[in-house]
Amino acid sequence: AVEALFGQAAAPNFTWTINQIPEPGTFLLVATGLGLLAAVRR
C-alpha cells in the first residue's frame, strides 16, 4: 500500500522492523508462574 501510494523506488531505502510481544495477560501469567516456581524452590 505504501509503495503504491508513493511509487516504488529502485532500491530499498526504508527498513521496517517488526516485533511480536506477548499481550499483558499472557506476560503477567508467565511472570506469576515464574514467581510461584521460585517460591516453591525456596
PDB file of all heavy atoms in Angstrom:
ATOM      1  N   ALA A   1       0.827  -1.207   0.000  1.00  0.00           N
ATOM      2  CA  ALA A   1       0.000   0.000   0.000  1.00  0.00           C
ATOM      3  C   ALA A   1       0.860   1.256   0.000  1.00  0.00           C
ATOM      4  O   ALA A   1       0.579   2.224  -0.720  1.00  0.00           O
ATOM      5  CB  ALA A   1      -0.925  -0.004   1.216  1.00  0.00           C
ATOM      6  N   VAL A   2       1.922   1.254   0.809  1.00  0.00           N
ATOM      7  CA  VAL A   2       2.818   2.406   0.883  1.00  0.00           C
ATOM      8  C   VAL A   2       3.551   2.595  -0.441  1.00  0.00           C
ATOM      9  O   VAL A   2       3.673   3.701  -0.970  1.00  0.00           O
ATOM     10  CB  VAL A   2       3.812   2.234   2.046  1.00  0.00           C
ATOM     11  CG1 VAL A   2       4.965   3.228   1.930  1.00  0.00           C
ATOM     12  CG2 VAL A   2       3.089   2.418   3.369  1.00  0.00           C
ATOM     13  N   GLU A   3       4.053   1.499  -0.998  1.00  0.00           N
ATOM     14  CA  GLU A   3       4.790   1.595  -2.259  1.00  0.00           C
ATOM     15  C   GLU A   3       3.880   2.061  -3.387  1.00  0.00           C
ATOM     16  O   GLU A   3       4.290   2.831  -4.252  1.00  0.00           O
ATOM     17  CB  GLU A   3       5.415   0.243  -2.584  1.00  0.00           C
ATOM     18  CG  GLU A   3       6.547  -0.130  -1.635  1.00  0.00           C
ATOM     19  CD  GLU A   3       7.120  -1.513  -1.893  1.00  0.00           C
ATOM     20  OE1 GLU A   3       6.444  -2.331  -2.554  1.00  0.00           O
ATOM     21  OE2 GLU A   3       8.241  -1.762  -1.438  1.00  0.00           O
ATOM     22  N   ALA A   4       2.618   1.613  -3.370  1.00  0.00           N
ATOM     23  CA  ALA A   4       1.680   2.029  -4.414  1.00  0.00           C
ATOM     24  C   ALA A   4       1.335   3.504  -4.292  1.00  0.00           C
ATOM     25  O   ALA A   4       1.132   4.198  -5.296  1.00  0.00           O
ATOM     26  CB  ALA A   4       0.411   1.179  -4.330  1.00  0.00           C
ATOM     27  N   LEU A   5       1.261   3.994  -3.042  1.00  0.00           N
ATOM     28  CA  LEU A   5       0.879   5.389  -2.821  1.00  0.00           C
ATOM     29  C   LEU A   5       1.964   6.355  -3.298  1.00  0.00           C
ATOM     30  O   LEU A   5       1.666   7.406  -3.862  1.00  0.00           O
ATOM     31  CB  LEU A   5       0.599   5.623  -1.334  1.00  0.00           C
ATOM     32  CG  LEU A   5      -0.016   6.966  -0.965  1.00  0.00           C
ATOM     33  CD1 LEU A   5      -1.417   7.110  -1.546  1.00  0.00           C
ATOM     34  CD2 LEU A   5      -0.063   7.130   0.547  1.00  0.00           C
ATOM     35  N   PHE A   6       3.218   5.983  -3.085  1.00  0.00           N
ATOM     36  CA  PHE A   6       4.314   6.902  -3.395  1.00  0.00           C
ATOM     37  C   PHE A   6       5.148   6.489  -4.601  1.00  0.00           C
ATOM     38  O   PHE A   6       6.023   7.225  -5.027  1.00  0.00           O
ATOM     39  CB  PHE A   6       5.229   7.034  -2.176  1.00  0.00           C
ATOM     40  CG  PHE A   6       4.535   7.624  -0.985  1.00  0.00           C
ATOM     41  CD1 PHE A   6       4.228   6.849   0.111  1.00  0.00           C
ATOM     42  CD2 PHE A   6       4.162   8.957  -0.974  1.00  0.00           C
ATOM     43  CE1 PHE A   6       3.578   7.391   1.211  1.00  0.00           C
ATOM     44  CE2 PHE A   6       3.511   9.510   0.110  1.00  0.00           C
ATOM     45  CZ  PHE A   6       3.216   8.722   1.207  1.00  0.00           C
ATOM     46  N   GLY A   7       4.928   5.316  -5.131  1.00  0.00           N
ATOM     47  CA  GLY A   7       5.753   4.838  -6.234  1.00  0.00           C
ATOM     48  C   GLY A   7       6.947   4.086  -5.686  1.00  0.00           C
ATOM     49  O   GLY A   7       7.556   4.491  -4.696  1.00  0.00           O
ATOM     50  N   GLN A   8       7.281   2.971  -6.295  1.00  0.00           N
ATOM     51  CA  GLN A   8       8.341   2.134  -5.772  1.00  0.00           C
ATOM     52  C   GLN A   8       9.708   2.630  -6.218  1.00  0.00           C
ATOM     53  O   GLN A   8       9.930   2.909  -7.394  1.00  0.00           O
ATOM     54  CB  GLN A   8       8.130   0.694  -6.252  1.00  0.00           C
ATOM     55  CG  GLN A   8       8.659  -0.348  -5.294  1.00  0.00           C
ATOM     56  CD  GLN A   8       8.321  -1.747  -5.745  1.00  0.00           C
ATOM     57  OE1 GLN A   8       9.105  -2.387  -6.416  1.00  0.00           O
ATOM     58  NE2 GLN A   8       7.150  -2.222  -5.373  1.00  0.00           N
ATOM     59  N   ALA A   9      10.628   2.732  -5.280  1.00  0.00           N
ATOM     60  CA  ALA A   9      11.983   3.175  -5.585  1.00  0.00           C
ATOM     61  C   ALA A   9      12.786   2.033  -6.199  1.00  0.00           C
ATOM     62  O   ALA A   9      12.397   0.875  -6.120  1.00  0.00           O
ATOM     63  CB  ALA A   9      12.669   3.679  -4.311  1.00  0.00           C
ATOM     64  N   ALA A  10      13.924   2.382  -6.796  1.00  0.00           N
ATOM     65  CA  ALA A  10      14.751   1.368  -7.460  1.00  0.00           C
ATOM     66  C   ALA A  10      15.417   0.442  -6.451  1.00  0.00           C
ATOM     67  O   ALA A  10      15.672  -0.722  -6.738  1.00  0.00           O
ATOM     68  CB  ALA A  10      15.807   2.047  -8.317  1.00  0.00           C
ATOM     69  N   ALA A  11      15.704   0.950  -5.273  1.00  0.00           N
ATOM     70  CA  ALA A  11      16.359   0.138  -4.248  1.00  0.00           C
ATOM     71  C   ALA A  11      15.753   0.469  -2.888  1.00  0.00           C
ATOM     72  O   ALA A  11      15.282   1.586  -2.675  1.00  0.00           O
ATOM     73  CB  ALA A  11      17.858   0.420  -4.245  1.00  0.00           C
ATOM     74  N   PRO A  12      15.749  -0.498  -1.972  1.00  0.00           N
ATOM     75  CA  PRO A  12      15.170  -0.243  -0.642  1.00  0.00           C
ATOM     76  C   PRO A  12      15.864   0.920   0.060  1.00  0.00           C
ATOM     77  O   PRO A  12      17.089   1.006   0.054  1.00  0.00           O
ATOM     78  CB  PRO A  12      15.414  -1.561   0.100  1.00  0.00           C
ATOM     79  CG  PRO A  12      15.569  -2.587  -0.970  1.00  0.00           C
ATOM     80  CD  PRO A  12      16.231  -1.869  -2.107  1.00  0.00           C
ATOM     81  N   ASN A  13      15.077   1.823   0.645  1.00  0.00           N
ATOM     82  CA  ASN A  13      15.675   2.905   1.417  1.00  0.00           C
ATOM     83  C   ASN A  13      14.949   3.134   2.734  1.00  0.00           C
ATOM     84  O   ASN A  13      15.126   4.149   3.373  1.00  0.00           O
ATOM     85  CB  ASN A  13      15.718   4.210   0.607  1.00  0.00           C
ATOM     86  CG  ASN A  13      14.332   4.690   0.191  1.00  0.00           C
ATOM     87  OD1 ASN A  13      13.325   4.102   0.564  1.00  0.00           O
ATOM     88  ND2 ASN A  13      14.293   5.749  -0.581  1.00  0.00           N
ATOM     89  N   PHE A  14      14.125   2.183   3.128  1.00  0.00           N
ATOM     90  CA  PHE A  14      13.442   2.271   4.413  1.00  0.00           C
ATOM     91  C   PHE A  14      13.314   0.858   4.976  1.00  0.00           C
ATOM     92  O   PHE A  14      12.920  -0.072   4.269  1.00  0.00           O
ATOM     93  CB  PHE A  14      12.048   2.893   4.270  1.00  0.00           C
ATOM     94  CG  PHE A  14      11.332   3.036   5.592  1.00  0.00           C
ATOM     95  CD1 PHE A  14      11.467   4.196   6.340  1.00  0.00           C
ATOM     96  CD2 PHE A  14      10.561   2.008   6.109  1.00  0.00           C
ATOM     97  CE1 PHE A  14      10.846   4.321   7.581  1.00  0.00           C
ATOM     98  CE2 PHE A  14       9.934   2.126   7.337  1.00  0.00           C
ATOM     99  CZ  PHE A  14      10.076   3.287   8.075  1.00  0.00           C
ATOM    100  N   THR A  15      13.679   0.697   6.222  1.00  0.00           N
ATOM    101  CA  THR A  15      13.569  -0.611   6.873  1.00  0.00           C
ATOM    102  C   THR A  15      12.551  -0.550   7.991  1.00  0.00           C
ATOM    103  O   THR A  15      12.624   0.323   8.859  1.00  0.00           O
ATOM    104  CB  THR A  15      14.937  -1.051   7.444  1.00  0.00           C
ATOM    105  OG1 THR A  15      15.873  -1.165   6.377  1.00  0.00           O
ATOM    106  CG2 THR A  15      14.817  -2.400   8.141  1.00  0.00           C
ATOM    107  N   TRP A  16      11.598  -1.452   7.962  1.00  0.00           N
ATOM    108  CA  TRP A  16      10.561  -1.539   8.994  1.00  0.00           C
ATOM    109  C   TRP A  16      10.787  -2.815   9.778  1.00  0.00           C
ATOM    110  O   TRP A  16      10.593  -3.918   9.272  1.00  0.00           O
ATOM    111  CB  TRP A  16       9.182  -1.546   8.342  1.00  0.00           C
ATOM    112  CG  TRP A  16       8.028  -1.487   9.291  1.00  0.00           C
ATOM    113  CD1 TRP A  16       7.999  -0.923  10.530  1.00  0.00           C
ATOM    114  CD2 TRP A  16       6.709  -1.992   9.055  1.00  0.00           C
ATOM    115  NE1 TRP A  16       6.748  -1.044  11.083  1.00  0.00           N
ATOM    116  CE2 TRP A  16       5.940  -1.697  10.189  1.00  0.00           C
ATOM    117  CE3 TRP A  16       6.113  -2.671   7.980  1.00  0.00           C
ATOM    118  CZ2 TRP A  16       4.594  -2.058  10.292  1.00  0.00           C
ATOM    119  CZ3 TRP A  16       4.783  -3.020   8.086  1.00  0.00           C
ATOM    120  CH2 TRP A  16       4.031  -2.710   9.225  1.00  0.00           C
ATOM    121  N   THR A  17      11.245  -2.687  11.012  1.00  0.00           N
ATOM    122  CA  THR A  17      11.464  -3.845  11.870  1.00  0.00           C
ATOM    123  C   THR A  17      10.191  -4.150  12.643  1.00  0.00           C
ATOM    124  O   THR A  17       9.609  -3.251  13.256  1.00  0.00           O
ATOM    125  CB  THR A  17      12.625  -3.580  12.857  1.00  0.00           C
ATOM    126  OG1 THR A  17      13.806  -3.305  12.107  1.00  0.00           O
ATOM    127  CG2 THR A  17      12.862  -4.783  13.753  1.00  0.00           C
ATOM    128  N   ILE A  18       9.769  -5.390  12.613  1.00  0.00           N
ATOM    129  CA  ILE A  18       8.518  -5.791  13.238  1.00  0.00           C
ATOM    130  C   ILE A  18       8.801  -6.812  14.330  1.00  0.00           C
ATOM    131  O   ILE A  18       9.452  -7.831  14.100  1.00  0.00           O
ATOM    132  CB  ILE A  18       7.560  -6.402  12.196  1.00  0.00           C
ATOM    133  CG1 ILE A  18       7.264  -5.383  11.096  1.00  0.00           C
ATOM    134  CG2 ILE A  18       6.257  -6.849  12.847  1.00  0.00           C
ATOM    135  CD1 ILE A  18       6.565  -5.978   9.901  1.00  0.00           C
ATOM    136  N   ASN A  19       8.322  -6.532  15.534  1.00  0.00           N
ATOM    137  CA  ASN A  19       8.467  -7.444  16.657  1.00  0.00           C
ATOM    138  C   ASN A  19       7.104  -7.923  17.120  1.00  0.00           C
ATOM    139  O   ASN A  19       6.105  -7.216  16.973  1.00  0.00           O
ATOM    140  CB  ASN A  19       9.163  -6.756  17.838  1.00  0.00           C
ATOM    141  CG  ASN A  19      10.547  -6.255  17.484  1.00  0.00           C
ATOM    142  OD1 ASN A  19      11.385  -7.007  17.030  1.00  0.00           O
ATOM    143  ND2 ASN A  19      10.768  -4.962  17.689  1.00  0.00           N
ATOM    144  N   GLN A  20       7.074  -9.089  17.705  1.00  0.00           N
ATOM    145  CA  GLN A  20       5.847  -9.589  18.316  1.00  0.00           C
ATOM    146  C   GLN A  20       6.090  -9.706  19.814  1.00  0.00           C
ATOM    147  O   GLN A  20       7.056 -10.327  20.247  1.00  0.00           O
ATOM    148  CB  GLN A  20       5.477 -10.949  17.724  1.00  0.00           C
ATOM    149  CG  GLN A  20       4.095 -11.428  18.138  1.00  0.00           C
ATOM    150  CD  GLN A  20       3.714 -12.715  17.401  1.00  0.00           C
ATOM    151  OE1 GLN A  20       4.473 -13.662  17.406  1.00  0.00           O
ATOM    152  NE2 GLN A  20       2.561 -12.727  16.768  1.00  0.00           N
ATOM    153  N   ILE A  21       5.237  -9.078  20.590  1.00  0.00           N
ATOM    154  CA  ILE A  21       5.384  -9.153  22.046  1.00  0.00           C
ATOM    155  C   ILE A  21       4.104  -9.722  22.630  1.00  0.00           C
ATOM    156  O   ILE A  21       3.026  -9.582  22.063  1.00  0.00           O
ATOM    157  CB  ILE A  21       5.695  -7.773  22.664  1.00  0.00           C
ATOM    158  CG1 ILE A  21       4.546  -6.791  22.431  1.00  0.00           C
ATOM    159  CG2 ILE A  21       6.982  -7.204  22.109  1.00  0.00           C
ATOM    160  CD1 ILE A  21       4.737  -5.463  23.132  1.00  0.00           C
ATOM    161  N   PRO A  22       4.201 -10.397  23.771  1.00  0.00           N
ATOM    162  CA  PRO A  22       3.007 -11.025  24.346  1.00  0.00           C
ATOM    163  C   PRO A  22       2.039  -9.992  24.871  1.00  0.00           C
ATOM    164  O   PRO A  22       2.442  -8.929  25.342  1.00  0.00           O
ATOM    165  CB  PRO A  22       3.570 -11.877  25.483  1.00  0.00           C
ATOM    166  CG  PRO A  22       4.849 -11.184  25.860  1.00  0.00           C
ATOM    167  CD  PRO A  22       5.396 -10.644  24.575  1.00  0.00           C
ATOM    168  N   GLU A  23       0.749 -10.298  24.768  1.00  0.00           N
ATOM    169  CA  GLU A  23      -0.217  -9.392  25.362  1.00  0.00           C
ATOM    170  C   GLU A  23      -0.062  -9.452  26.879  1.00  0.00           C
ATOM    171  O   GLU A  23       0.387 -10.454  27.430  1.00  0.00           O
ATOM    172  CB  GLU A  23      -1.640  -9.741  24.928  1.00  0.00           C
ATOM    173  CG  GLU A  23      -2.090 -11.153  25.229  1.00  0.00           C
ATOM    174  CD  GLU A  23      -3.452 -11.415  24.636  1.00  0.00           C
ATOM    175  OE1 GLU A  23      -4.366 -10.664  24.996  1.00  0.00           O
ATOM    176  OE2 GLU A  23      -3.607 -12.350  23.839  1.00  0.00           O
ATOM    177  N   PRO A  24      -0.405  -8.372  27.586  1.00  0.00           N
ATOM    178  CA  PRO A  24      -0.144  -8.280  29.023  1.00  0.00           C
ATOM    179  C   PRO A  24      -0.680  -9.445  29.840  1.00  0.00           C
ATOM    180  O   PRO A  24      -0.051  -9.894  30.777  1.00  0.00           O
ATOM    181  CB  PRO A  24      -0.813  -6.962  29.414  1.00  0.00           C
ATOM    182  CG  PRO A  24      -0.706  -6.154  28.179  1.00  0.00           C
ATOM    183  CD  PRO A  24      -0.930  -7.122  27.048  1.00  0.00           C
ATOM    184  N   GLY A  25      -1.852  -9.950  29.479  1.00  0.00           N
ATOM    185  CA  GLY A  25      -2.413 -11.063  30.230  1.00  0.00           C
ATOM    186  C   GLY A  25      -1.492 -12.261  30.201  1.00  0.00           C
ATOM    187  O   GLY A  25      -1.248 -12.921  31.212  1.00  0.00           O
ATOM    188  N   THR A  26      -0.940 -12.548  29.016  1.00  0.00           N
ATOM    189  CA  THR A  26      -0.015 -13.668  28.865  1.00  0.00           C
ATOM    190  C   THR A  26       1.269 -13.400  29.627  1.00  0.00           C
ATOM    191  O   THR A  26       1.791 -14.262  30.328  1.00  0.00           O
ATOM    192  CB  THR A  26       0.312 -13.901  27.381  1.00  0.00           C
ATOM    193  OG1 THR A  26      -0.907 -14.159  26.680  1.00  0.00           O
ATOM    194  CG2 THR A  26       1.258 -15.065  27.201  1.00  0.00           C
ATOM    195  N   PHE A  27       1.777 -12.174  29.491  1.00  0.00           N
ATOM    196  CA  PHE A  27       3.027 -11.804  30.150  1.00  0.00           C
ATOM    197  C   PHE A  27       2.903 -11.930  31.662  1.00  0.00           C
ATOM    198  O   PHE A  27       3.764 -12.502  32.332  1.00  0.00           O
ATOM    199  CB  PHE A  27       3.402 -10.373  29.766  1.00  0.00           C
ATOM    200  CG  PHE A  27       4.726  -9.928  30.325  1.00  0.00           C
ATOM    201  CD1 PHE A  27       5.901 -10.177  29.627  1.00  0.00           C
ATOM    202  CD2 PHE A  27       4.801  -9.267  31.536  1.00  0.00           C
ATOM    203  CE1 PHE A  27       7.128  -9.765  30.140  1.00  0.00           C
ATOM    204  CE2 PHE A  27       6.018  -8.867  32.054  1.00  0.00           C
ATOM    205  CZ  PHE A  27       7.181  -9.113  31.347  1.00  0.00           C
ATOM    206  N   LEU A  28       1.808 -11.417  32.202  1.00  0.00           N
ATOM    207  CA  LEU A  28       1.615 -11.454  33.651  1.00  0.00           C
ATOM    208  C   LEU A  28       1.396 -12.877  34.141  1.00  0.00           C
ATOM    209  O   LEU A  28       1.821 -13.240  35.230  1.00  0.00           O
ATOM    210  CB  LEU A  28       0.428 -10.559  34.034  1.00  0.00           C
ATOM    211  CG  LEU A  28       0.641  -9.063  33.795  1.00  0.00           C
ATOM    212  CD1 LEU A  28      -0.632  -8.291  34.112  1.00  0.00           C
ATOM    213  CD2 LEU A  28       1.797  -8.536  34.638  1.00  0.00           C
ATOM    214  N   LEU A  29       0.722 -13.690  33.327  1.00  0.00           N
ATOM    215  CA  LEU A  29       0.500 -15.081  33.698  1.00  0.00           C
ATOM    216  C   LEU A  29       1.832 -15.817  33.787  1.00  0.00           C
ATOM    217  O   LEU A  29       2.086 -16.570  34.737  1.00  0.00           O
ATOM    218  CB  LEU A  29      -0.412 -15.759  32.672  1.00  0.00           C
ATOM    219  CG  LEU A  29      -0.768 -17.227  32.952  1.00  0.00           C
ATOM    220  CD1 LEU A  29      -1.522 -17.334  34.268  1.00  0.00           C
ATOM    221  CD2 LEU A  29      -1.615 -17.794  31.814  1.00  0.00           C
ATOM    222  N   VAL A  30       2.690 -15.589  32.796  1.00  0.00           N
ATOM    223  CA  VAL A  30       4.014 -16.214  32.802  1.00  0.00           C
ATOM    224  C   VAL A  30       4.817 -15.727  34.003  1.00  0.00           C
ATOM    225  O   VAL A  30       5.470 -16.510  34.699  1.00  0.00           O
ATOM    226  CB  VAL A  30       4.766 -15.912  31.498  1.00  0.00           C
ATOM    227  CG1 VAL A  30       6.219 -16.372  31.593  1.00  0.00           C
ATOM    228  CG2 VAL A  30       4.070 -16.588  30.320  1.00  0.00           C
ATOM    229  N   ALA A  31       4.769 -14.408  34.250  1.00  0.00           N
ATOM    230  CA  ALA A  31       5.515 -13.847  35.368  1.00  0.00           C
ATOM    231  C   ALA A  31       5.030 -14.426  36.699  1.00  0.00           C
ATOM    232  O   ALA A  31       5.828 -14.747  37.589  1.00  0.00           O
ATOM    233  CB  ALA A  31       5.371 -12.321  35.377  1.00  0.00           C
ATOM    234  N   THR A  32       3.712 -14.581  36.829  1.00  0.00           N
ATOM    235  CA  THR A  32       3.149 -15.163  38.050  1.00  0.00           C
ATOM    236  C   THR A  32       3.617 -16.596  38.224  1.00  0.00           C
ATOM    237  O   THR A  32       3.991 -17.028  39.318  1.00  0.00           O
ATOM    238  CB  THR A  32       1.615 -15.113  38.008  1.00  0.00           C
ATOM    239  OG1 THR A  32       1.204 -13.754  37.884  1.00  0.00           O
ATOM    240  CG2 THR A  32       1.025 -15.708  39.275  1.00  0.00           C
ATOM    241  N   GLY A  33       3.604 -17.336  37.114  1.00  0.00           N
ATOM    242  CA  GLY A  33       4.041 -18.727  37.166  1.00  0.00           C
ATOM    243  C   GLY A  33       5.487 -18.842  37.582  1.00  0.00           C
ATOM    244  O   GLY A  33       5.855 -19.684  38.408  1.00  0.00           O
ATOM    245  N   LEU A  34       6.337 -17.960  37.024  1.00  0.00           N
ATOM    246  CA  LEU A  34       7.749 -17.975  37.392  1.00  0.00           C
ATOM    247  C   LEU A  34       7.934 -17.612  38.860  1.00  0.00           C
ATOM    248  O   LEU A  34       8.789 -18.178  39.550  1.00  0.00           O
ATOM    249  CB  LEU A  34       8.524 -17.001  36.499  1.00  0.00           C
ATOM    250  CG  LEU A  34       8.640 -17.402  35.022  1.00  0.00           C
ATOM    251  CD1 LEU A  34       9.323 -16.295  34.241  1.00  0.00           C
ATOM    252  CD2 LEU A  34       9.399 -18.713  34.869  1.00  0.00           C
ATOM    253  N   GLY A  35       7.103 -16.672  39.345  1.00  0.00           N
ATOM    254  CA  GLY A  35       7.188 -16.283  40.742  1.00  0.00           C
ATOM    255  C   GLY A  35       6.823 -17.430  41.665  1.00  0.00           C
ATOM    256  O   GLY A  35       7.466 -17.673  42.688  1.00  0.00           O
ATOM    257  N   LEU A  36       5.761 -18.159  41.315  1.00  0.00           N
ATOM    258  CA  LEU A  36       5.347 -19.305  42.121  1.00  0.00           C
ATOM    259  C   LEU A  36       6.411 -20.388  42.097  1.00  0.00           C
ATOM    260  O   LEU A  36       6.687 -21.025  43.117  1.00  0.00           O
ATOM    261  CB  LEU A  36       4.019 -19.851  41.597  1.00  0.00           C
ATOM    262  CG  LEU A  36       2.793 -18.955  41.815  1.00  0.00           C
ATOM    263  CD1 LEU A  36       1.579 -19.550  41.132  1.00  0.00           C
ATOM    264  CD2 LEU A  36       2.527 -18.781  43.312  1.00  0.00           C
ATOM    265  N   LEU A  37       7.011 -20.606  40.931  1.00  0.00           N
ATOM    266  CA  LEU A  37       8.058 -21.607  40.816  1.00  0.00           C
ATOM    267  C   LEU A  37       9.236 -21.239  41.711  1.00  0.00           C
ATOM    268  O   LEU A  37       9.800 -22.088  42.408  1.00  0.00           O
ATOM    269  CB  LEU A  37       8.516 -21.718  39.361  1.00  0.00           C
ATOM    270  CG  LEU A  37       9.631 -22.741  39.079  1.00  0.00           C
ATOM    271  CD1 LEU A  37       9.162 -24.141  39.478  1.00  0.00           C
ATOM    272  CD2 LEU A  37      10.010 -22.709  37.609  1.00  0.00           C
ATOM    273  N   ALA A  38       9.593 -19.957  41.720  1.00  0.00           N
ATOM    274  CA  ALA A  38      10.705 -19.514  42.575  1.00  0.00           C
ATOM    275  C   ALA A  38      10.371 -19.709  44.045  1.00  0.00           C
ATOM    276  O   ALA A  38      11.227 -20.118  44.836  1.00  0.00           O
ATOM    277  CB  ALA A  38      11.017 -18.043  42.287  1.00  0.00           C
ATOM    278  N   ALA A  39       9.104 -19.448  44.401  1.00  0.00           N
ATOM    279  CA  ALA A  39       8.685 -19.626  45.784  1.00  0.00           C
ATOM    280  C   ALA A  39       8.777 -21.083  46.203  1.00  0.00           C
ATOM    281  O   ALA A  39       9.210 -21.416  47.298  1.00  0.00           O
ATOM    282  CB  ALA A  39       7.267 -19.111  45.960  1.00  0.00           C
ATOM    283  N   VAL A  40       8.380 -21.967  45.312  1.00  0.00           N
ATOM    284  CA  VAL A  40       8.443 -23.394  45.606  1.00  0.00           C
ATOM    285  C   VAL A  40       9.891 -23.824  45.789  1.00  0.00           C
ATOM    286  O   VAL A  40      10.211 -24.597  46.693  1.00  0.00           O
ATOM    287  CB  VAL A  40       7.786 -24.202  44.463  1.00  0.00           C
ATOM    288  CG1 VAL A  40       8.088 -25.693  44.637  1.00  0.00           C
ATOM    289  CG2 VAL A  40       6.290 -23.975  44.444  1.00  0.00           C
ATOM    290  N   ARG A  41      10.757 -23.310  44.946  1.00  0.00           N
ATOM    291  CA  ARG A  41      12.169 -23.693  45.038  1.00  0.00           C
ATOM    292  C   ARG A  41      12.821 -23.179  46.314  1.00  0.00           C
ATOM    293  O   ARG A  41      13.807 -23.737  46.777  1.00  0.00           O
ATOM    294  CB  ARG A  41      12.927 -23.159  43.819  1.00  0.00           C
ATOM    295  CG  ARG A  41      12.609 -23.913  42.513  1.00  0.00           C
ATOM    296  CD  ARG A  41      13.377 -23.361  41.348  1.00  0.00           C
ATOM    297  NE  ARG A  41      13.179 -24.183  40.164  1.00  0.00           N
ATOM    298  CZ  ARG A  41      13.677 -23.904  38.974  1.00  0.00           C
ATOM    299  NH1 ARG A  41      14.399 -22.798  38.813  1.00  0.00           N
ATOM    300  NH2 ARG A  41      13.466 -24.687  37.954  1.00  0.00           N
ATOM    301  N   ARG A  42      12.277 -22.107  46.866  1.00  0.00           N
ATOM    302  CA  ARG A  42      12.872 -21.552  48.105  1.00  0.00           C
ATOM    303  C   ARG A  42      12.355 -22.226  49.365  1.00  0.00           C
ATOM    304  O   ARG A  42      12.836 -21.965  50.449  1.00  0.00           O
ATOM    305  CB  ARG A  42      12.586 -20.045  48.168  1.00  0.00           C
ATOM    306  CG  ARG A  42      13.401 -19.206  47.188  1.00  0.00           C
ATOM    307  CD  ARG A  42      13.368 -17.736  47.584  1.00  0.00           C
ATOM    308  NE  ARG A  42      12.004 -17.230  47.642  1.00  0.00           N
ATOM    309  CZ  ARG A  42      11.399 -16.641  46.605  1.00  0.00           C
ATOM    310  NH1 ARG A  42      12.056 -16.490  45.456  1.00  0.00           N
ATOM    311  NH2 ARG A  42      10.184 -16.178  46.706  1.00  0.00           N
TER     312      ARG A  42
END
